[in-house]
Amino acid sequence: MKVLLSIKPEFAFKIFDGEKKFEFRKVIFKNPDIRTVVVYASSPVQQVIGEFEIDDILSSSPNEIWELTKKYSGISEIYFHEYFENRLVAHAIKIKNTKK
């Protein structure tokens, strides 16, 4: 099963360049059968640019998720912590097999 995620273009393109190997979310899919993410690059691109398979989904405290993913996060530590501010749980989708 597939899901469509809207991702800021600066991060979406990093996924397909191999620089970003984790996509971070405050809320994760309710359906456990989701295996593929279709990537919609939001404004100003506003189009589907590819898809990737989900290798794994990590869920833990923001600090622990950052420590596990920072090498291939594709974002700054400041941006990460601002995004998850006041959250007890952070989710990181581990990316594999990208396809433009």
C-alpha atoms as a PDB file:
ATOM      1  CA  MET A   1       0.000   0.000   0.000  1.00  0.00           C
ATOM      2  CA  LYS A   2       1.159   3.549  -0.767  1.00  0.00           C
ATOM      3  CA  VAL A   3       0.748   6.910   0.931  1.00  0.00           C
ATOM      4  CA  LEU A   4       1.290  10.411  -0.460  1.00  0.00           C
ATOM      5  CA  LEU A   5       3.407  12.757   1.675  1.00  0.00           C
ATOM      6  CA  SER A   6       3.883  16.442   1.025  1.00  0.00           C
ATOM      7  CA  ILE A   7       7.515  17.370   1.672  1.00  0.00           C
ATOM      8  CA  LYS A   8       9.233  20.738   1.309  1.00  0.00           C
ATOM      9  CA  PRO A   9      11.225  20.730  -1.967  1.00  0.00           C
ATOM     10  CA  GLU A  10      14.564  21.404  -0.248  1.00  0.00           C
ATOM     11  CA  PHE A  11      14.133  18.173   1.722  1.00  0.00           C
ATOM     12  CA  ALA A  12      12.373  16.164  -0.987  1.00  0.00           C
ATOM     13  CA  PHE A  13      15.269  16.581  -3.412  1.00  0.00           C
ATOM     14  CA  LYS A  14      17.779  15.597  -0.707  1.00  0.00           C
ATOM     15  CA  ILE A  15      15.938  12.261  -0.422  1.00  0.00           C
ATOM     16  CA  PHE A  16      16.603  11.477  -4.080  1.00  0.00           C
ATOM     17  CA  ASP A  17      20.186  12.769  -3.894  1.00  0.00           C
ATOM     18  CA  GLY A  18      20.848  10.273  -1.078  1.00  0.00           C
ATOM     19  CA  GLU A  19      21.715  13.004   1.423  1.00  0.00           C
ATOM     20  CA  LYS A  20      18.518  12.513   3.464  1.00  0.00           C
ATOM     21  CA  LYS A  21      17.807   8.930   4.525  1.00  0.00           C
ATOM     22  CA  PHE A  22      15.139   9.703   7.115  1.00  0.00           C
ATOM     23  CA  GLU A  23      11.857  11.573   6.783  1.00  0.00           C
ATOM     24  CA  PHE A  24      10.635  13.002  10.075  1.00  0.00           C
ATOM     25  CA  ARG A  25       6.997  13.150  11.119  1.00  0.00           C
ATOM     26  CA  LYS A  26       5.096  14.280  14.188  1.00  0.00           C
ATOM     27  CA  VAL A  27       2.356  11.755  13.441  1.00  0.00           C
ATOM     28  CA  ILE A  28       2.799   8.412  11.713  1.00  0.00           C
ATOM     29  CA  PHE A  29       0.406   6.377   9.555  1.00  0.00           C
ATOM     30  CA  LYS A  30      -2.409   4.535  11.265  1.00  0.00           C
ATOM     31  CA  ASN A  31      -2.330   1.789   8.619  1.00  0.00           C
ATOM     32  CA  PRO A  32       0.584  -0.619   9.275  1.00  0.00           C
ATOM     33  CA  ASP A  33       0.408  -1.935   5.677  1.00  0.00           C
ATOM     34  CA  ILE A  34       1.941   1.224   4.179  1.00  0.00           C
ATOM     35  CA  ARG A  35       5.164   0.174   2.432  1.00  0.00           C
ATOM     36  CA  THR A  36       5.754   2.956  -0.119  1.00  0.00           C
ATOM     37  CA  VAL A  37       5.756   6.746   0.141  1.00  0.00           C
ATOM     38  CA  VAL A  38       4.920   8.841  -2.912  1.00  0.00           C
ATOM     39  CA  VAL A  39       6.762  12.161  -2.551  1.00  0.00           C
ATOM     40  CA  TYR A  40       4.907  15.341  -3.433  1.00  0.00           C
ATOM     41  CA  ALA A  41       7.260  18.336  -3.428  1.00  0.00           C
ATOM     42  CA  SER A  42       5.223  21.211  -2.012  1.00  0.00           C
ATOM     43  CA  SER A  43       5.239  24.841  -3.172  1.00  0.00           C
ATOM     44  CA  PRO A  44       6.765  26.163  -5.345  1.00  0.00           C
ATOM     45  CA  VAL A  45       7.416  22.816  -7.137  1.00  0.00           C
ATOM     46  CA  GLN A  46       3.918  21.410  -6.531  1.00  0.00           C
ATOM     47  CA  GLN A  47       4.328  18.016  -8.162  1.00  0.00           C
ATOM     48  CA  VAL A  48       5.068  14.371  -7.459  1.00  0.00           C
ATOM     49  CA  ILE A  49       8.803  13.835  -7.918  1.00  0.00           C
ATOM     50  CA  GLY A  50       9.195  10.173  -6.985  1.00  0.00           C
ATOM     51  CA  GLU A  51       8.685   7.521  -4.373  1.00  0.00           C
ATOM     52  CA  PHE A  52      10.580   5.400  -1.885  1.00  0.00           C
ATOM     53  CA  GLU A  53      10.107   2.211   0.075  1.00  0.00           C
ATOM     54  CA  ILE A  54       9.911   2.278   3.848  1.00  0.00           C
ATOM     55  CA  ASP A  55      12.780   0.334   5.407  1.00  0.00           C
ATOM     56  CA  ASP A  56      11.668   0.943   8.990  1.00  0.00           C
ATOM     57  CA  ILE A  57       9.870   3.472  11.184  1.00  0.00           C
ATOM     58  CA  LEU A  58      11.641   4.602  14.331  1.00  0.00           C
ATOM     59  CA  SER A  59       9.570   6.106  17.147  1.00  0.00           C
ATOM     60  CA  SER A  60      11.072   7.447  20.340  1.00  0.00           C
ATOM     61  CA  SER A  61      11.888  10.657  22.182  1.00  0.00           C
ATOM     62  CA  PRO A  62      13.108  13.480  19.923  1.00  0.00           C
ATOM     63  CA  ASN A  63      16.568  13.363  21.539  1.00  0.00           C
ATOM     64  CA  GLU A  64      16.942   9.636  20.924  1.00  0.00           C
ATOM     65  CA  ILE A  65      15.664   9.892  17.342  1.00  0.00           C
ATOM     66  CA  TRP A  66      18.151  12.697  16.645  1.00  0.00           C
ATOM     67  CA  GLU A  67      21.049  10.621  17.992  1.00  0.00           C
ATOM     68  CA  LEU A  68      20.025   7.648  15.825  1.00  0.00           C
ATOM     69  CA  THR A  69      19.457   9.631  12.617  1.00  0.00           C
ATOM     70  CA  LYS A  70      21.575  12.798  12.679  1.00  0.00           C
ATOM     71  CA  LYS A  71      24.227  11.544  10.245  1.00  0.00           C
ATOM     72  CA  TYR A  72      21.676  11.147   7.438  1.00  0.00           C
ATOM     73  CA  SER A  73      18.921  13.486   8.625  1.00  0.00           C
ATOM     74  CA  GLY A  74      19.385  15.993   5.805  1.00  0.00           C
ATOM     75  CA  ILE A  75      18.400  18.782   8.219  1.00  0.00           C
ATOM     76  CA  SER A  76      20.097  20.819  10.907  1.00  0.00           C
ATOM     77  CA  GLU A  77      19.868  19.908  14.568  1.00  0.00           C
ATOM     78  CA  ILE A  78      18.248  23.288  15.265  1.00  0.00           C
ATOM     79  CA  TYR A  79      15.560  22.675  12.624  1.00  0.00           C
ATOM     80  CA  PHE A  80      14.949  19.164  13.996  1.00  0.00           C
ATOM     81  CA  HIS A  81      14.436  20.354  17.564  1.00  0.00           C
ATOM     82  CA  GLU A  82      12.227  23.267  16.469  1.00  0.00           C
ATOM     83  CA  TYR A  83      10.075  20.848  14.464  1.00  0.00           C
ATOM     84  CA  PHE A  84       9.615  18.497  17.442  1.00  0.00           C
ATOM     85  CA  GLU A  85       9.342  21.239  20.082  1.00  0.00           C
ATOM     86  CA  ASN A  86       6.963  20.241  22.913  1.00  0.00           C
ATOM     87  CA  ARG A  87       6.633  16.701  21.502  1.00  0.00           C
ATOM     88  CA  LEU A  88       7.263  13.596  23.572  1.00  0.00           C
ATOM     89  CA  VAL A  89       7.533  11.297  20.554  1.00  0.00           C
ATOM     90  CA  ALA A  90       9.280  11.771  17.207  1.00  0.00           C
ATOM     91  CA  HIS A  91       8.952   9.463  14.204  1.00  0.00           C
ATOM     92  CA  ALA A  92      11.643   8.832  11.588  1.00  0.00           C
ATOM     93  CA  ILE A  93      10.811   6.951   8.404  1.00  0.00           C
ATOM     94  CA  LYS A  94      13.948   5.146   7.189  1.00  0.00           C
ATOM     95  CA  ILE A  95      14.179   5.452   3.418  1.00  0.00           C
ATOM     96  CA  LYS A  96      15.270   2.758   0.970  1.00  0.00           C
ATOM     97  CA  ASN A  97      14.995   2.193  -2.783  1.00  0.00           C
ATOM     98  CA  THR A  98      14.199   5.665  -4.051  1.00  0.00           C
ATOM     99  CA  LYS A  99      12.754   6.036  -7.541  1.00  0.00           C
ATOM    100  CA  LYS A 100      12.391   9.361  -9.367  1.00  0.00           C
END
